[in-house]
Amino acid sequence: MRPKPSLRVFGRFAEPDVFVGTHAIERASLGGKWSIAWEIEKLECEQIWRQIFTSPLFSAAKYEDYITENAHPNVRLPP
């Protein structure tokens, strides 16, 4: 059974295996996966991050660089 409402937590990785959530939004208000609402919330996440942290955003090419244990090798980040 899925909890109601369904939430999406936005955030960034501070380093491998350390996810910091910046805010949560009800899934129903986001529309489709690539909707403008998703893009706006991703930008909001980066803005909140920059207000809190002075370090640069952690970035990596592979999923396994973000989650180092139990990461599935076939999952790739979109370009």
C-alpha atoms as a PDB file:
ATOM      1  CA  MET A   1       0.000   0.000   0.000  1.00  0.00           C
ATOM      2  CA  ARG A   2       1.362   3.416  -0.958  1.00  0.00           C
ATOM      3  CA  PRO A   3       1.288   6.214   1.591  1.00  0.00           C
ATOM      4  CA  LYS A   4      -0.903   9.233   0.821  1.00  0.00           C
ATOM      5  CA  PRO A   5       0.190  11.785  -0.090  1.00  0.00           C
ATOM      6  CA  SER A   6       3.184  10.550  -2.038  1.00  0.00           C
ATOM      7  CA  LEU A   7       6.141  12.907  -1.578  1.00  0.00           C
ATOM      8  CA  ARG A   8       9.302  13.564  -3.557  1.00  0.00           C
ATOM      9  CA  VAL A   9      12.329  14.725  -1.603  1.00  0.00           C
ATOM     10  CA  PHE A  10      14.692  16.983  -3.508  1.00  0.00           C
ATOM     11  CA  GLY A  11      18.312  17.279  -2.464  1.00  0.00           C
ATOM     12  CA  ARG A  12      21.929  16.754  -3.425  1.00  0.00           C
ATOM     13  CA  PHE A  13      24.780  14.516  -2.438  1.00  0.00           C
ATOM     14  CA  ALA A  14      27.338  16.329  -0.279  1.00  0.00           C
ATOM     15  CA  GLU A  15      29.763  13.463  -0.933  1.00  0.00           C
ATOM     16  CA  PRO A  16      29.429   9.765  -1.756  1.00  0.00           C
ATOM     17  CA  ASP A  17      26.753   8.120   0.416  1.00  0.00           C
ATOM     18  CA  VAL A  18      25.684  11.431   2.029  1.00  0.00           C
ATOM     19  CA  PHE A  19      22.360  12.751   0.675  1.00  0.00           C
ATOM     20  CA  VAL A  20      21.055  16.064   2.040  1.00  0.00           C
ATOM     21  CA  GLY A  21      17.365  16.745   1.383  1.00  0.00           C
ATOM     22  CA  THR A  22      16.490  20.387   0.769  1.00  0.00           C
ATOM     23  CA  HIS A  23      12.709  20.193   0.478  1.00  0.00           C
ATOM     24  CA  ALA A  24       9.771  17.871  -0.247  1.00  0.00           C
ATOM     25  CA  ILE A  25       6.855  18.299  -2.653  1.00  0.00           C
ATOM     26  CA  GLU A  26       3.669  16.267  -3.097  1.00  0.00           C
ATOM     27  CA  ARG A  27       4.150  14.064  -6.155  1.00  0.00           C
ATOM     28  CA  ALA A  28       0.750  14.947  -7.631  1.00  0.00           C
ATOM     29  CA  SER A  29       1.731  18.615  -8.000  1.00  0.00           C
ATOM     30  CA  LEU A  30       4.782  17.791 -10.138  1.00  0.00           C
ATOM     31  CA  GLY A  31       3.038  16.437 -13.226  1.00  0.00           C
ATOM     32  CA  GLY A  32       4.939  14.169 -15.623  1.00  0.00           C
ATOM     33  CA  LYS A  33       8.560  13.125 -15.098  1.00  0.00           C
ATOM     34  CA  TRP A  34      10.074  15.792 -17.375  1.00  0.00           C
ATOM     35  CA  SER A  35       7.492  18.519 -16.687  1.00  0.00           C
ATOM     36  CA  ILE A  36       8.398  22.150 -16.086  1.00  0.00           C
ATOM     37  CA  ALA A  37       7.361  21.666 -12.429  1.00  0.00           C
ATOM     38  CA  TRP A  38      10.120  19.053 -11.967  1.00  0.00           C
ATOM     39  CA  GLU A  39      12.671  21.359 -13.574  1.00  0.00           C
ATOM     40  CA  ILE A  40      11.619  24.283 -11.354  1.00  0.00           C
ATOM     41  CA  GLU A  41      11.972  22.162  -8.214  1.00  0.00           C
ATOM     42  CA  LYS A  42      15.432  20.967  -9.305  1.00  0.00           C
ATOM     43  CA  LEU A  43      16.503  24.599  -9.702  1.00  0.00           C
ATOM     44  CA  GLU A  44      14.939  25.422  -6.320  1.00  0.00           C
ATOM     45  CA  CYS A  45      16.960  22.592  -4.795  1.00  0.00           C
ATOM     46  CA  GLU A  46      20.215  24.014  -6.159  1.00  0.00           C
ATOM     47  CA  GLN A  47      19.308  27.506  -4.937  1.00  0.00           C
ATOM     48  CA  ILE A  48      18.545  26.257  -1.412  1.00  0.00           C
ATOM     49  CA  TRP A  49      21.806  24.273  -1.432  1.00  0.00           C
ATOM     50  CA  ARG A  50      23.825  27.361  -2.346  1.00  0.00           C
ATOM     51  CA  GLN A  51      22.158  29.354   0.453  1.00  0.00           C
ATOM     52  CA  ILE A  52      23.141  26.732   3.032  1.00  0.00           C
ATOM     53  CA  PHE A  53      26.506  25.404   1.815  1.00  0.00           C
ATOM     54  CA  THR A  54      29.553  27.148   0.412  1.00  0.00           C
ATOM     55  CA  SER A  55      31.137  23.993  -0.995  1.00  0.00           C
ATOM     56  CA  PRO A  56      30.610  23.199  -4.683  1.00  0.00           C
ATOM     57  CA  LEU A  57      27.952  20.690  -5.682  1.00  0.00           C
ATOM     58  CA  PHE A  58      29.196  17.089  -5.696  1.00  0.00           C
ATOM     59  CA  SER A  59      29.016  15.697  -9.207  1.00  0.00           C
ATOM     60  CA  ALA A  60      29.922  12.322 -10.662  1.00  0.00           C
ATOM     61  CA  ALA A  61      29.465  10.447 -13.919  1.00  0.00           C
ATOM     62  CA  LYS A  62      28.210   7.139 -12.532  1.00  0.00           C
ATOM     63  CA  TYR A  63      25.422   6.155 -10.169  1.00  0.00           C
ATOM     64  CA  GLU A  64      27.914   4.046  -8.200  1.00  0.00           C
ATOM     65  CA  ASP A  65      29.907   7.198  -7.393  1.00  0.00           C
ATOM     66  CA  TYR A  66      26.919   8.568  -5.468  1.00  0.00           C
ATOM     67  CA  ILE A  67      25.811   5.373  -3.721  1.00  0.00           C
ATOM     68  CA  THR A  68      28.836   3.161  -3.216  1.00  0.00           C
ATOM     69  CA  GLU A  69      27.166   0.084  -1.717  1.00  0.00           C
ATOM     70  CA  ASN A  70      24.288  -1.861  -3.230  1.00  0.00           C
ATOM     71  CA  ALA A  71      24.277   0.351  -6.332  1.00  0.00           C
ATOM     72  CA  HIS A  72      23.098  -1.463  -9.450  1.00  0.00           C
ATOM     73  CA  PRO A  73      25.756  -1.233 -12.196  1.00  0.00           C
ATOM     74  CA  ASN A  74      23.195  -0.939 -15.028  1.00  0.00           C
ATOM     75  CA  VAL A  75      21.641   2.291 -13.750  1.00  0.00           C
ATOM     76  CA  ARG A  76      23.033   5.389 -15.477  1.00  0.00           C
ATOM     77  CA  LEU A  77      22.336   9.051 -14.917  1.00  0.00           C
ATOM     78  CA  PRO A  78      20.742  10.990 -17.778  1.00  0.00           C
ATOM     79  CA  PRO A  79      23.218  13.119 -19.754  1.00  0.00           C
END
